Amino acid sequence: MRRVLVLASGSPRRQQLLAWLGVSYDVLPAEVDERPLPGEAAVDLVLRLAHAKAAAVVARRPSDWVLAADTIVEVDGVMLGKPARGGDAARMLAQLAGREHRVATGFALVQPGGAVHAANVVLTRVRFRRLDVRAIERYVATREGDDKAGAYAVQGLGAGLIERIDGSFTNVIGLPLIEVGRALEEAGLLAR
């Protein structure tokens, strides 16, 4: 019997990263309330949301494997999701400029029927270089970071904002491939 993997995300970046592993998959985005609970830490939020997204898709595809993930940027205990409106992106980038922040991605791989096969949170430290207002305005004008946590894309022009990355580069994009690949291999979904 063919094992089917469903990616519970509409993110083109997650789809591209998963394709790099050479695994075939279907895409079925999950709609969940992504607001943090009062007092919830970033690592707890991304893991909870990964589980919630997986559960939402398992309810629609109960006989398939489901992979779900969620990513957030955190600086000094403040969580930065995707910029919501005009000015948000510039504010976020100014907050990150010249400082170190953490990127947290939680993922859950769920078996047919809904049992969790693997779940994890991967943390990556990213240090931005110092940015003046003009550099921030130029980057915001590209709109590259409009739909990304922290308002930047490490795999695009946003790489020029970064001084250093400690940890998983693909985690910053939205899917930690080493850890996800290992989980998929253990599940028999990835041939090695």
Foldseek 3Di string as FASTA:
>chain_A
DDAEEEEQDPDPLVVVLVVVLVFDYHYHHADDPQDDDVPDAPQRSFQVVQLVSQVRVCVVVQQHKYKGKDKWKDDPRDIFFAQDDPPSLLVLLQSQAQAKIKMKMWMWIAHRRGHTQDIDIFIKIWHFYHDDSVRSVVLVVVVQQRHGHSSAACVPPSVNRTDDMGGAPSVRNPDRCVVVVVSCVVVVRGDD
